[in-house]
N, C-alpha and C. Protein backbone atom coordinates (compact mmCIF):
# COMPACT_ATOMS: atom_id res chain seq x y z
N UNK A 1 142.05 -57.73 29.86
CA UNK A 1 140.65 -57.79 30.22
C UNK A 1 139.99 -56.44 29.83
N UNK A 2 138.90 -56.69 29.11
CA UNK A 2 138.23 -55.45 28.51
C UNK A 2 137.41 -54.74 29.68
N UNK A 3 137.58 -53.38 29.65
CA UNK A 3 136.94 -52.60 30.70
C UNK A 3 135.39 -52.82 30.55
N UNK A 4 134.72 -52.76 31.69
CA UNK A 4 133.31 -52.92 31.69
C UNK A 4 132.67 -51.72 31.05
N UNK A 5 131.68 -51.93 30.25
CA UNK A 5 131.01 -50.81 29.60
C UNK A 5 130.09 -50.13 30.50
N UNK A 6 130.19 -48.79 30.52
CA UNK A 6 129.32 -47.98 31.42
C UNK A 6 128.02 -47.79 30.78
N UNK A 7 126.96 -48.10 31.60
CA UNK A 7 125.52 -48.05 31.10
C UNK A 7 125.13 -46.64 30.99
N UNK A 8 124.40 -46.38 29.94
CA UNK A 8 123.81 -44.98 29.76
C UNK A 8 122.64 -44.77 30.80
N UNK A 9 122.39 -43.49 30.94
CA UNK A 9 121.24 -43.13 31.82
C UNK A 9 119.96 -43.73 31.36
N UNK A 10 119.81 -43.76 30.03
CA UNK A 10 118.56 -44.37 29.50
C UNK A 10 118.42 -45.78 29.80
N UNK A 11 119.62 -46.52 29.72
CA UNK A 11 119.65 -47.96 30.06
C UNK A 11 119.39 -48.14 31.54
N UNK A 12 119.91 -47.27 32.36
CA UNK A 12 119.72 -47.42 33.79
C UNK A 12 118.25 -47.19 34.19
N UNK A 13 117.66 -46.26 33.48
CA UNK A 13 116.26 -45.95 33.81
C UNK A 13 115.35 -47.16 33.52
N UNK A 14 115.75 -47.96 32.54
CA UNK A 14 114.99 -49.05 32.18
C UNK A 14 114.99 -50.21 33.21
N UNK A 15 116.07 -50.19 33.94
CA UNK A 15 116.26 -51.30 34.89
C UNK A 15 115.47 -50.99 36.19
N UNK A 16 114.96 -52.04 36.83
CA UNK A 16 114.17 -51.82 38.07
C UNK A 16 115.08 -51.33 39.15
N UNK A 17 114.58 -50.37 39.86
CA UNK A 17 115.29 -49.82 41.04
C UNK A 17 115.18 -50.79 42.21
N UNK A 18 116.31 -51.17 42.80
CA UNK A 18 116.33 -52.15 43.91
C UNK A 18 115.36 -51.76 45.08
N UNK A 19 115.53 -50.53 45.49
CA UNK A 19 114.71 -50.07 46.65
C UNK A 19 113.21 -50.13 46.30
N UNK A 20 112.95 -49.62 45.10
CA UNK A 20 111.47 -49.55 44.70
C UNK A 20 110.89 -50.92 44.53
N UNK A 21 111.76 -51.88 44.09
CA UNK A 21 111.27 -53.26 43.91
C UNK A 21 111.07 -53.88 45.22
N UNK A 22 111.97 -53.61 46.20
CA UNK A 22 111.79 -54.20 47.48
C UNK A 22 110.51 -53.64 48.13
N UNK A 23 110.40 -52.32 48.02
CA UNK A 23 109.18 -51.72 48.56
C UNK A 23 107.88 -52.22 48.02
N UNK A 24 107.93 -52.35 46.65
CA UNK A 24 106.76 -52.90 46.02
C UNK A 24 106.39 -54.30 46.48
N UNK A 25 107.41 -55.12 46.71
CA UNK A 25 107.15 -56.39 47.16
C UNK A 25 106.62 -56.40 48.59
N UNK A 26 107.13 -55.47 49.38
CA UNK A 26 106.60 -55.36 50.73
C UNK A 26 105.11 -54.87 50.77
N UNK A 27 104.85 -53.93 49.90
CA UNK A 27 103.49 -53.44 49.80
C UNK A 27 102.56 -54.49 49.29
N UNK A 28 103.03 -55.29 48.39
CA UNK A 28 102.25 -56.42 47.89
C UNK A 28 102.00 -57.44 49.03
N UNK A 29 102.98 -57.69 49.82
CA UNK A 29 102.87 -58.67 50.88
C UNK A 29 101.82 -58.15 51.91
N UNK A 30 101.98 -56.82 52.24
CA UNK A 30 101.06 -56.17 53.24
C UNK A 30 99.66 -56.22 52.74
N UNK A 31 99.47 -56.00 51.38
CA UNK A 31 98.16 -56.08 50.84
C UNK A 31 97.54 -57.48 50.98
N UNK A 32 98.33 -58.52 50.86
CA UNK A 32 97.85 -59.86 51.00
C UNK A 32 97.78 -60.41 52.41
N UNK A 33 98.26 -59.61 53.32
CA UNK A 33 98.25 -60.07 54.71
C UNK A 33 97.65 -59.05 55.67
N UNK A 34 96.66 -58.32 55.26
CA UNK A 34 96.09 -57.24 56.07
C UNK A 34 95.52 -57.80 57.37
N UNK A 35 94.81 -58.92 57.30
CA UNK A 35 94.18 -59.41 58.49
C UNK A 35 95.27 -59.84 59.56
N UNK A 36 96.31 -60.52 59.09
CA UNK A 36 97.32 -60.91 60.05
C UNK A 36 98.00 -59.73 60.64
N UNK A 37 98.20 -58.66 59.83
CA UNK A 37 98.88 -57.46 60.41
C UNK A 37 98.03 -56.76 61.35
N UNK A 38 96.69 -56.73 61.08
CA UNK A 38 95.77 -56.11 62.05
C UNK A 38 95.79 -56.81 63.33
N UNK A 39 95.89 -58.13 63.33
CA UNK A 39 95.91 -58.97 64.57
C UNK A 39 97.22 -58.74 65.28
N UNK A 40 98.34 -58.64 64.49
CA UNK A 40 99.66 -58.43 65.10
C UNK A 40 99.72 -57.08 65.72
N UNK A 41 99.14 -56.06 65.08
CA UNK A 41 99.09 -54.69 65.64
C UNK A 41 98.25 -54.70 66.98
N UNK A 42 97.12 -55.42 66.93
CA UNK A 42 96.28 -55.40 68.05
C UNK A 42 97.01 -56.10 69.20
N UNK A 43 97.77 -57.16 68.95
CA UNK A 43 98.44 -57.88 69.95
C UNK A 43 99.56 -57.02 70.51
N UNK A 44 100.22 -56.28 69.62
CA UNK A 44 101.36 -55.35 70.08
C UNK A 44 100.75 -54.30 70.98
N UNK A 45 99.60 -53.77 70.54
CA UNK A 45 98.96 -52.67 71.35
C UNK A 45 98.54 -53.17 72.72
N UNK A 46 97.93 -54.40 72.68
CA UNK A 46 97.54 -54.99 73.99
C UNK A 46 98.70 -55.24 74.94
N UNK A 47 99.83 -55.68 74.33
CA UNK A 47 101.04 -55.88 75.12
C UNK A 47 101.57 -54.56 75.69
N UNK A 48 101.56 -53.50 74.89
CA UNK A 48 101.98 -52.18 75.35
C UNK A 48 101.08 -51.71 76.45
N UNK A 49 99.77 -51.89 76.37
CA UNK A 49 98.81 -51.52 77.40
C UNK A 49 99.10 -52.34 78.70
N UNK A 50 99.34 -53.59 78.53
CA UNK A 50 99.62 -54.40 79.70
C UNK A 50 100.96 -53.99 80.47
N UNK A 51 101.98 -53.68 79.59
CA UNK A 51 103.25 -53.27 80.17
C UNK A 51 103.08 -51.93 80.89
N UNK A 52 102.40 -51.02 80.19
CA UNK A 52 102.10 -49.67 80.80
C UNK A 52 101.29 -49.85 82.01
N UNK A 53 100.27 -50.63 82.02
CA UNK A 53 99.51 -50.98 83.18
C UNK A 53 100.26 -51.56 84.30
N UNK A 54 101.17 -52.48 83.99
CA UNK A 54 102.00 -53.10 85.00
C UNK A 54 102.91 -52.10 85.69
N UNK A 55 103.53 -51.30 84.95
CA UNK A 55 104.41 -50.23 85.49
C UNK A 55 103.65 -49.22 86.32
N UNK A 56 102.42 -48.85 85.88
CA UNK A 56 101.57 -47.94 86.69
C UNK A 56 101.20 -48.57 87.99
N UNK A 57 100.86 -49.89 87.89
CA UNK A 57 100.46 -50.58 89.10
C UNK A 57 101.66 -50.74 90.03
N UNK A 58 102.86 -51.08 89.44
CA UNK A 58 104.02 -51.18 90.28
C UNK A 58 104.31 -49.90 90.99
N UNK A 59 104.22 -48.72 90.31
CA UNK A 59 104.48 -47.42 90.85
C UNK A 59 103.53 -47.12 91.98
N UNK A 60 102.24 -47.49 91.71
CA UNK A 60 101.19 -47.21 92.70
C UNK A 60 101.43 -48.04 93.96
N UNK A 61 101.77 -49.31 93.73
CA UNK A 61 102.09 -50.16 94.96
C UNK A 61 103.32 -49.69 95.70
N UNK A 62 104.34 -49.34 95.00
CA UNK A 62 105.56 -48.85 95.71
C UNK A 62 105.26 -47.54 96.40
N UNK A 63 104.46 -46.65 95.76
CA UNK A 63 104.13 -45.38 96.41
C UNK A 63 103.32 -45.60 97.66
N UNK A 64 102.38 -46.54 97.62
CA UNK A 64 101.60 -46.82 98.80
C UNK A 64 102.47 -47.39 99.92
N UNK A 65 103.40 -48.20 99.55
CA UNK A 65 104.41 -48.80 100.53
C UNK A 65 105.19 -47.74 101.11
N UNK A 66 105.67 -46.79 100.26
CA UNK A 66 106.57 -45.72 100.76
C UNK A 66 105.81 -44.82 101.73
N UNK A 67 104.50 -44.59 101.47
CA UNK A 67 103.68 -43.76 102.39
C UNK A 67 103.51 -44.41 103.68
N UNK A 68 103.30 -45.66 103.70
CA UNK A 68 103.21 -46.41 104.97
C UNK A 68 104.52 -46.44 105.74
N UNK A 69 105.64 -46.62 105.06
CA UNK A 69 106.94 -46.61 105.67
C UNK A 69 107.22 -45.29 106.28
N UNK A 70 106.94 -44.17 105.55
CA UNK A 70 107.17 -42.83 106.06
C UNK A 70 106.32 -42.58 107.26
N UNK A 71 105.11 -42.98 107.29
CA UNK A 71 104.21 -42.85 108.42
C UNK A 71 104.71 -43.61 109.64
N UNK A 72 105.19 -44.82 109.43
CA UNK A 72 105.75 -45.58 110.55
C UNK A 72 106.92 -44.93 111.10
N UNK A 73 107.89 -44.47 110.26
CA UNK A 73 109.04 -43.73 110.70
C UNK A 73 108.63 -42.48 111.55
N UNK A 74 107.66 -41.66 111.07
CA UNK A 74 107.32 -40.50 111.77
C UNK A 74 106.75 -40.85 113.21
N UNK A 75 105.85 -41.91 113.24
CA UNK A 75 105.31 -42.29 114.56
C UNK A 75 106.37 -42.80 115.50
N UNK A 76 107.32 -43.50 114.93
CA UNK A 76 108.46 -44.04 115.82
C UNK A 76 109.28 -42.88 116.36
N UNK A 77 109.59 -41.94 115.49
CA UNK A 77 110.38 -40.81 116.00
C UNK A 77 109.63 -39.90 116.98
N UNK A 78 108.31 -39.77 116.74
CA UNK A 78 107.55 -38.96 117.73
C UNK A 78 107.34 -39.63 119.08
N UNK A 79 107.44 -40.95 119.14
CA UNK A 79 107.07 -41.75 120.30
C UNK A 79 108.11 -41.50 121.43
N UNK A 80 109.39 -41.42 121.07
CA UNK A 80 110.42 -41.20 122.11
C UNK A 80 111.18 -42.42 122.48
N UNK A 81 110.73 -43.12 123.61
CA UNK A 81 111.47 -44.29 124.06
C UNK A 81 111.30 -45.49 123.22
N UNK A 82 112.18 -46.49 123.22
CA UNK A 82 112.10 -47.63 122.28
C UNK A 82 110.80 -48.42 122.40
N UNK A 83 110.33 -48.61 123.58
CA UNK A 83 109.02 -49.40 123.72
C UNK A 83 107.84 -48.67 123.11
N UNK A 84 107.77 -47.31 123.33
CA UNK A 84 106.72 -46.55 122.80
C UNK A 84 106.84 -46.45 121.25
N UNK A 85 108.05 -46.28 120.77
CA UNK A 85 108.33 -46.31 119.32
C UNK A 85 107.88 -47.56 118.66
N UNK A 86 108.18 -48.67 119.30
CA UNK A 86 107.71 -49.93 118.71
C UNK A 86 106.22 -50.06 118.64
N UNK A 87 105.55 -49.72 119.75
CA UNK A 87 104.10 -49.75 119.80
C UNK A 87 103.44 -48.80 118.81
N UNK A 88 104.08 -47.60 118.60
CA UNK A 88 103.47 -46.68 117.70
C UNK A 88 103.64 -47.09 116.23
N UNK A 89 104.69 -47.76 115.91
CA UNK A 89 104.95 -48.07 114.47
C UNK A 89 104.54 -49.45 114.05
N UNK A 90 104.28 -50.33 115.03
CA UNK A 90 104.14 -51.74 114.79
C UNK A 90 102.98 -52.03 113.73
N UNK A 91 101.81 -51.43 114.01
CA UNK A 91 100.72 -51.76 113.12
C UNK A 91 100.96 -51.37 111.67
N UNK A 92 101.52 -50.23 111.47
CA UNK A 92 101.90 -49.74 110.12
C UNK A 92 102.93 -50.68 109.48
N UNK A 93 103.87 -51.06 110.26
CA UNK A 93 104.97 -52.00 109.71
C UNK A 93 104.44 -53.33 109.40
N UNK A 94 103.58 -53.85 110.29
CA UNK A 94 103.00 -55.19 109.98
C UNK A 94 102.13 -55.16 108.77
N UNK A 95 101.38 -54.13 108.65
CA UNK A 95 100.53 -53.96 107.40
C UNK A 95 101.35 -53.83 106.23
N UNK A 96 102.41 -53.06 106.25
CA UNK A 96 103.33 -52.91 105.22
C UNK A 96 104.03 -54.21 104.73
N UNK A 97 104.50 -54.90 105.73
CA UNK A 97 105.20 -56.22 105.48
C UNK A 97 104.22 -57.23 104.90
N UNK A 98 102.98 -57.23 105.48
CA UNK A 98 101.94 -58.22 104.98
C UNK A 98 101.42 -57.90 103.56
N UNK A 99 101.28 -56.59 103.20
CA UNK A 99 100.73 -56.30 101.88
C UNK A 99 101.80 -56.04 100.85
N UNK A 100 102.94 -55.48 101.30
CA UNK A 100 103.99 -55.07 100.31
C UNK A 100 105.34 -55.71 100.62
N UNK A 101 105.33 -56.87 101.26
CA UNK A 101 106.60 -57.44 101.78
C UNK A 101 107.61 -57.73 100.71
N UNK A 102 107.21 -57.88 99.43
CA UNK A 102 108.27 -58.16 98.39
C UNK A 102 108.71 -56.86 97.68
N UNK A 103 108.09 -55.73 97.92
CA UNK A 103 108.51 -54.48 97.33
C UNK A 103 109.66 -53.88 98.16
N UNK A 104 110.40 -52.98 97.56
CA UNK A 104 111.57 -52.48 98.16
C UNK A 104 111.22 -51.83 99.53
N UNK A 105 110.19 -51.07 99.57
CA UNK A 105 109.80 -50.40 100.89
C UNK A 105 109.31 -51.41 101.87
N UNK A 106 108.74 -52.47 101.39
CA UNK A 106 108.29 -53.55 102.22
C UNK A 106 109.46 -54.30 102.91
N UNK A 107 110.52 -54.45 102.08
CA UNK A 107 111.72 -55.09 102.53
C UNK A 107 112.43 -54.19 103.54
N UNK A 108 112.42 -52.90 103.30
CA UNK A 108 113.06 -51.94 104.21
C UNK A 108 112.29 -51.91 105.51
N UNK A 109 110.98 -52.15 105.44
CA UNK A 109 110.20 -52.27 106.68
C UNK A 109 110.56 -53.27 107.58
N UNK A 110 110.89 -54.42 107.07
CA UNK A 110 111.46 -55.47 107.89
C UNK A 110 112.63 -55.07 108.70
N UNK A 111 113.57 -54.36 108.07
CA UNK A 111 114.76 -53.93 108.77
C UNK A 111 114.32 -52.98 109.83
N UNK A 112 113.49 -51.95 109.51
CA UNK A 112 113.08 -51.00 110.49
C UNK A 112 112.38 -51.66 111.74
N UNK A 113 111.45 -52.57 111.43
CA UNK A 113 110.74 -53.29 112.41
C UNK A 113 111.71 -54.09 113.35
N UNK A 114 112.70 -54.73 112.66
CA UNK A 114 113.75 -55.52 113.43
C UNK A 114 114.53 -54.59 114.34
N UNK A 115 114.88 -53.41 113.90
CA UNK A 115 115.63 -52.42 114.69
C UNK A 115 114.79 -51.95 115.87
N UNK A 116 113.51 -51.71 115.62
CA UNK A 116 112.71 -51.24 116.76
C UNK A 116 112.52 -52.40 117.81
N UNK A 117 112.37 -53.60 117.33
CA UNK A 117 112.23 -54.74 118.25
C UNK A 117 113.50 -54.92 119.08
N UNK A 118 114.62 -54.80 118.39
CA UNK A 118 115.89 -54.97 119.10
C UNK A 118 116.09 -53.84 120.15
N UNK A 119 115.84 -52.61 119.81
CA UNK A 119 115.88 -51.54 120.68
C UNK A 119 114.99 -51.61 121.88
N UNK A 120 113.84 -52.25 121.70
CA UNK A 120 112.79 -52.47 122.70
C UNK A 120 113.07 -53.71 123.53
N UNK A 121 114.14 -54.45 123.20
CA UNK A 121 114.59 -55.57 124.00
C UNK A 121 113.95 -56.85 123.55
N UNK A 122 113.28 -56.90 122.44
CA UNK A 122 112.69 -58.14 121.87
C UNK A 122 113.58 -58.71 120.88
N UNK A 123 114.74 -59.25 121.36
CA UNK A 123 115.87 -59.52 120.59
C UNK A 123 115.59 -60.79 119.67
N UNK A 124 114.91 -61.79 120.19
CA UNK A 124 114.66 -63.02 119.42
C UNK A 124 113.79 -62.68 118.20
N UNK A 125 112.75 -61.88 118.44
CA UNK A 125 111.86 -61.51 117.26
C UNK A 125 112.62 -60.66 116.29
N UNK A 126 113.56 -59.81 116.82
CA UNK A 126 114.34 -59.03 115.87
C UNK A 126 115.24 -59.81 115.03
N UNK A 127 115.87 -60.86 115.67
CA UNK A 127 116.75 -61.75 114.90
C UNK A 127 115.99 -62.46 113.79
N UNK A 128 114.77 -62.89 114.06
CA UNK A 128 113.97 -63.62 113.05
C UNK A 128 113.71 -62.70 111.89
N UNK A 129 113.41 -61.43 112.04
CA UNK A 129 113.22 -60.49 111.01
C UNK A 129 114.48 -60.20 110.21
N UNK A 130 115.57 -60.04 111.00
CA UNK A 130 116.89 -59.82 110.36
C UNK A 130 117.23 -60.91 109.41
N UNK A 131 116.98 -62.15 109.83
CA UNK A 131 117.28 -63.30 108.98
C UNK A 131 116.49 -63.29 107.71
N UNK A 132 115.22 -62.95 107.76
CA UNK A 132 114.39 -62.80 106.59
C UNK A 132 114.91 -61.66 105.73
N UNK A 133 115.27 -60.57 106.34
CA UNK A 133 115.78 -59.38 105.60
C UNK A 133 117.11 -59.72 104.88
N UNK A 134 117.88 -60.64 105.46
CA UNK A 134 119.15 -61.05 104.82
C UNK A 134 118.87 -61.64 103.52
N UNK A 135 117.85 -62.52 103.41
CA UNK A 135 117.53 -63.08 102.15
C UNK A 135 116.94 -62.00 101.17
N UNK A 136 116.13 -61.03 101.75
CA UNK A 136 115.56 -59.99 100.93
C UNK A 136 116.58 -59.19 100.15
N UNK A 137 117.77 -59.01 100.76
CA UNK A 137 118.80 -58.12 100.24
C UNK A 137 120.02 -58.91 99.86
N UNK A 138 119.77 -60.16 99.35
CA UNK A 138 120.91 -61.03 99.04
C UNK A 138 121.88 -60.51 97.98
N UNK A 139 121.22 -59.65 97.12
CA UNK A 139 122.05 -59.13 95.93
C UNK A 139 122.48 -57.66 96.25
N UNK A 140 122.28 -57.14 97.38
CA UNK A 140 122.55 -55.75 97.72
C UNK A 140 123.60 -55.65 98.88
N UNK A 141 124.85 -55.59 98.65
CA UNK A 141 125.94 -55.74 99.60
C UNK A 141 125.83 -54.76 100.79
N UNK A 142 125.47 -53.47 100.48
CA UNK A 142 125.41 -52.44 101.48
C UNK A 142 124.38 -52.80 102.53
N UNK A 143 123.13 -53.08 102.11
CA UNK A 143 122.15 -53.54 103.11
C UNK A 143 122.54 -54.81 103.81
N UNK A 144 123.11 -55.82 103.03
CA UNK A 144 123.44 -57.05 103.65
C UNK A 144 124.47 -56.88 104.73
N UNK A 145 125.47 -55.99 104.50
CA UNK A 145 126.42 -55.77 105.52
C UNK A 145 125.82 -55.16 106.79
N UNK A 146 124.84 -54.22 106.71
CA UNK A 146 124.23 -53.72 107.93
C UNK A 146 123.44 -54.71 108.59
N UNK A 147 122.77 -55.58 107.84
CA UNK A 147 121.91 -56.69 108.48
C UNK A 147 122.84 -57.67 109.20
N UNK A 148 123.89 -58.04 108.58
CA UNK A 148 124.79 -58.98 109.21
C UNK A 148 125.37 -58.37 110.54
N UNK A 149 125.70 -57.10 110.53
CA UNK A 149 126.17 -56.40 111.71
C UNK A 149 125.06 -56.47 112.78
N UNK A 150 123.85 -56.19 112.43
CA UNK A 150 122.68 -56.23 113.37
C UNK A 150 122.51 -57.55 113.92
N UNK A 151 122.59 -58.62 113.05
CA UNK A 151 122.51 -60.01 113.56
C UNK A 151 123.64 -60.31 114.56
N UNK A 152 124.86 -59.81 114.25
CA UNK A 152 125.93 -60.10 115.18
C UNK A 152 125.70 -59.42 116.59
N UNK A 153 125.21 -58.20 116.54
CA UNK A 153 124.97 -57.50 117.80
C UNK A 153 123.83 -58.14 118.56
N UNK A 154 122.79 -58.67 117.78
CA UNK A 154 121.67 -59.37 118.41
C UNK A 154 122.11 -60.58 119.10
N UNK A 155 123.00 -61.40 118.47
CA UNK A 155 123.49 -62.62 119.13
C UNK A 155 124.37 -62.22 120.34
N UNK A 156 125.14 -61.21 120.18
CA UNK A 156 125.93 -60.72 121.28
C UNK A 156 125.17 -60.32 122.47
N UNK A 157 123.96 -59.66 122.22
CA UNK A 157 123.11 -59.26 123.31
C UNK A 157 122.53 -60.41 124.07
N UNK A 158 122.38 -61.61 123.35
CA UNK A 158 121.88 -62.84 123.93
C UNK A 158 123.01 -63.69 124.50
N UNK A 159 124.24 -63.20 124.49
CA UNK A 159 125.34 -63.96 125.03
C UNK A 159 125.85 -65.03 124.09
N UNK A 160 125.44 -64.96 122.81
CA UNK A 160 125.77 -66.04 121.83
C UNK A 160 127.02 -65.64 121.05
N UNK A 161 128.18 -65.66 121.70
CA UNK A 161 129.36 -65.14 121.05
C UNK A 161 129.77 -65.85 119.82
N UNK A 162 129.67 -67.14 119.82
CA UNK A 162 130.11 -67.89 118.58
C UNK A 162 129.24 -67.51 117.36
N UNK A 163 127.95 -67.30 117.58
CA UNK A 163 127.09 -66.87 116.53
C UNK A 163 127.44 -65.42 116.09
N UNK A 164 127.73 -64.60 117.08
CA UNK A 164 128.10 -63.20 116.81
C UNK A 164 129.39 -63.16 115.97
N UNK A 165 130.38 -64.06 116.34
CA UNK A 165 131.63 -64.10 115.53
C UNK A 165 131.33 -64.52 114.16
N UNK A 166 130.48 -65.48 113.95
CA UNK A 166 130.16 -66.03 112.62
C UNK A 166 129.62 -64.88 111.73
N UNK A 167 128.63 -64.12 112.28
CA UNK A 167 128.04 -62.94 111.55
C UNK A 167 129.02 -61.86 111.27
N UNK A 168 129.88 -61.50 112.23
CA UNK A 168 130.88 -60.53 112.09
C UNK A 168 131.89 -60.93 110.92
N UNK A 169 132.18 -62.20 110.86
CA UNK A 169 133.12 -62.69 109.85
C UNK A 169 132.54 -62.50 108.45
N UNK A 170 131.12 -62.86 108.40
CA UNK A 170 130.48 -62.69 107.15
C UNK A 170 130.42 -61.23 106.72
N UNK A 171 130.18 -60.32 107.77
CA UNK A 171 130.20 -58.90 107.43
C UNK A 171 131.48 -58.37 106.95
N UNK A 172 132.55 -58.97 107.56
CA UNK A 172 133.93 -58.46 107.25
C UNK A 172 134.26 -58.71 105.72
N UNK A 173 133.69 -59.69 105.11
CA UNK A 173 133.91 -60.01 103.71
C UNK A 173 133.29 -58.93 102.79
N UNK A 174 132.32 -58.16 103.31
CA UNK A 174 131.60 -57.13 102.58
C UNK A 174 132.05 -55.73 102.93
N UNK A 175 132.75 -55.62 104.11
CA UNK A 175 133.00 -54.27 104.61
C UNK A 175 134.24 -53.66 103.89
N UNK A 176 134.18 -52.30 103.92
CA UNK A 176 135.29 -51.50 103.29
C UNK A 176 135.54 -50.37 104.23
N UNK A 177 136.76 -49.78 104.09
CA UNK A 177 137.04 -48.57 104.89
C UNK A 177 136.99 -48.72 106.34
N UNK A 178 136.39 -47.67 107.03
CA UNK A 178 136.38 -47.65 108.46
C UNK A 178 135.48 -48.75 109.02
N UNK A 179 134.49 -49.20 108.22
CA UNK A 179 133.69 -50.35 108.74
C UNK A 179 134.50 -51.63 108.88
N UNK A 180 135.46 -51.79 108.12
CA UNK A 180 136.38 -53.02 108.36
C UNK A 180 137.09 -52.89 109.69
N UNK A 181 137.61 -51.66 109.94
CA UNK A 181 138.25 -51.50 111.25
C UNK A 181 137.40 -51.80 112.37
N UNK A 182 136.09 -51.35 112.34
CA UNK A 182 135.18 -51.61 113.38
C UNK A 182 134.97 -53.14 113.53
N UNK A 183 134.71 -53.75 112.49
CA UNK A 183 134.42 -55.30 112.56
C UNK A 183 135.63 -56.01 112.99
N UNK A 184 136.80 -55.60 112.50
CA UNK A 184 138.06 -56.32 112.98
C UNK A 184 138.22 -56.13 114.52
N UNK A 185 137.84 -54.94 115.01
CA UNK A 185 137.92 -54.77 116.42
C UNK A 185 137.01 -55.72 117.22
N UNK A 186 135.75 -55.77 116.75
CA UNK A 186 134.75 -56.64 117.44
C UNK A 186 135.19 -58.13 117.35
N UNK A 187 135.72 -58.54 116.22
CA UNK A 187 136.18 -59.94 116.10
C UNK A 187 137.39 -60.19 116.99
N UNK A 188 138.33 -59.27 117.09
CA UNK A 188 139.45 -59.43 118.02
C UNK A 188 138.97 -59.52 119.51
N UNK A 189 138.12 -58.57 119.82
CA UNK A 189 137.58 -58.49 121.16
C UNK A 189 136.83 -59.72 121.59
N UNK A 190 135.96 -60.23 120.67
CA UNK A 190 135.22 -61.48 120.92
C UNK A 190 136.08 -62.73 121.02
N UNK A 191 137.06 -62.82 120.22
CA UNK A 191 137.99 -63.98 120.34
C UNK A 191 138.73 -63.94 121.64
N UNK A 192 139.17 -62.74 122.14
CA UNK A 192 139.76 -62.68 123.50
C UNK A 192 138.79 -63.08 124.51
N UNK A 193 137.59 -62.65 124.40
CA UNK A 193 136.53 -63.03 125.37
C UNK A 193 136.26 -64.51 125.37
N UNK A 194 136.47 -65.16 124.21
CA UNK A 194 136.31 -66.60 124.14
C UNK A 194 137.53 -67.43 124.60
N UNK A 195 138.58 -66.65 125.02
CA UNK A 195 139.82 -67.31 125.43
C UNK A 195 140.70 -67.65 124.32
N UNK A 196 140.53 -67.09 123.15
CA UNK A 196 141.22 -67.38 121.93
C UNK A 196 142.23 -66.26 121.71
N UNK A 197 143.20 -66.15 122.49
CA UNK A 197 144.13 -64.95 122.40
C UNK A 197 144.75 -64.83 121.08
N UNK A 198 145.30 -65.91 120.50
CA UNK A 198 146.04 -65.79 119.27
C UNK A 198 145.14 -65.27 118.17
N UNK A 199 143.86 -65.78 118.05
CA UNK A 199 142.96 -65.35 117.04
C UNK A 199 142.61 -63.84 117.27
N UNK A 200 142.40 -63.53 118.55
CA UNK A 200 142.10 -62.12 118.89
C UNK A 200 143.25 -61.17 118.46
N UNK A 201 144.40 -61.59 118.77
CA UNK A 201 145.59 -60.81 118.49
C UNK A 201 145.66 -60.66 116.93
N UNK A 202 145.39 -61.62 116.22
CA UNK A 202 145.62 -61.59 114.71
C UNK A 202 144.60 -60.63 114.17
N UNK A 203 143.38 -60.52 114.68
CA UNK A 203 142.37 -59.52 114.21
C UNK A 203 142.87 -58.13 114.57
N UNK A 204 143.33 -58.00 115.74
CA UNK A 204 143.84 -56.68 116.23
C UNK A 204 145.02 -56.21 115.37
N UNK A 205 145.92 -57.09 115.08
CA UNK A 205 147.06 -56.72 114.24
C UNK A 205 146.63 -56.34 112.85
N UNK A 206 145.67 -57.11 112.33
CA UNK A 206 145.11 -56.69 110.99
C UNK A 206 144.51 -55.32 111.05
N UNK A 207 143.83 -54.98 112.12
CA UNK A 207 143.25 -53.62 112.19
C UNK A 207 144.32 -52.55 112.19
N UNK A 208 145.41 -52.83 112.92
CA UNK A 208 146.48 -51.82 112.95
C UNK A 208 147.18 -51.66 111.63
N UNK A 209 147.27 -52.75 110.93
CA UNK A 209 147.99 -52.79 109.60
C UNK A 209 147.15 -52.18 108.53
N UNK A 210 145.82 -52.49 108.57
CA UNK A 210 144.98 -52.00 107.45
C UNK A 210 144.40 -50.58 107.77
N UNK A 211 144.17 -50.34 109.11
CA UNK A 211 143.51 -49.08 109.45
C UNK A 211 144.24 -48.44 110.68
N UNK A 212 145.48 -47.97 110.44
CA UNK A 212 146.27 -47.48 111.58
C UNK A 212 145.72 -46.19 112.24
N UNK A 213 144.85 -45.47 111.41
CA UNK A 213 144.28 -44.16 111.86
C UNK A 213 142.83 -44.38 112.35
N UNK A 214 142.44 -45.58 112.50
CA UNK A 214 141.01 -45.91 112.93
C UNK A 214 140.91 -45.43 114.46
N UNK A 215 139.64 -45.07 114.73
CA UNK A 215 139.35 -44.71 116.17
C UNK A 215 139.70 -45.90 117.08
N UNK A 216 139.53 -47.09 116.56
CA UNK A 216 139.76 -48.31 117.38
C UNK A 216 141.31 -48.61 117.53
N UNK A 217 142.07 -48.00 116.72
CA UNK A 217 143.56 -48.27 116.84
C UNK A 217 144.21 -47.97 118.13
N UNK A 218 143.79 -46.82 118.77
CA UNK A 218 144.36 -46.53 120.08
C UNK A 218 144.05 -47.62 121.16
N UNK A 219 142.72 -47.93 121.38
CA UNK A 219 142.44 -48.97 122.38
C UNK A 219 143.11 -50.29 122.00
N UNK A 220 143.25 -50.61 120.70
CA UNK A 220 143.87 -51.86 120.36
C UNK A 220 145.41 -51.89 120.73
N UNK A 221 146.08 -50.75 120.40
CA UNK A 221 147.55 -50.71 120.81
C UNK A 221 147.65 -50.88 122.34
N UNK A 222 146.80 -50.22 123.10
CA UNK A 222 146.85 -50.34 124.50
C UNK A 222 146.59 -51.73 124.98
N UNK A 223 145.64 -52.37 124.32
CA UNK A 223 145.35 -53.80 124.65
C UNK A 223 146.51 -54.70 124.42
N UNK A 224 147.10 -54.53 123.24
CA UNK A 224 148.24 -55.37 122.87
C UNK A 224 149.49 -55.15 123.71
N UNK A 225 149.67 -53.85 124.14
CA UNK A 225 150.83 -53.47 124.93
C UNK A 225 150.67 -54.02 126.35
N UNK A 226 149.37 -54.07 126.81
CA UNK A 226 149.17 -54.54 128.19
C UNK A 226 149.23 -56.10 128.27
């Protein structure tokens, strides 16, 4: 096979440069489509303005919601007792939930309002807000865990042990570390209270196996020994 002949510099200079040819074609295309390009540029600019405006509006809305939440917290803390705290913060929280209920701070406001209602003894209203908050934080396990615990304690306060057990079991699936020990203790205690000793014992034994150094381990050992 004969070796390929190397082209001279002079011959190479006579050939069209690929990059220059492509650029020339692009320039020719641009020259023939100036109107379309102007429209496309205008559309891109408009989209950028809309996106920028959207984020600015989002930030402004979230900032306003954060300010209301901070104000509600301050008023609740300054009020003292639970009933006074609820009365002091209620209007801000209701406005926050009504105007910014789908924003992060608006969703947090539901939890705060539910907490204040529960502490003030308005347990049914608190449970309704906790239920809504549970949907708000469906994709956020940390918040969901705390809400499930609050629901369990709310049902427990109303003497609804079966509902409390259901919520504690849902919380257990999300809990880690010391929180698991706490929830296992409540589940064991509630099953004993329901007359379900075997189930209660199984939760207590799980607690001792998984969290032998838990604060709840001592009372559980005493309970099982007695």
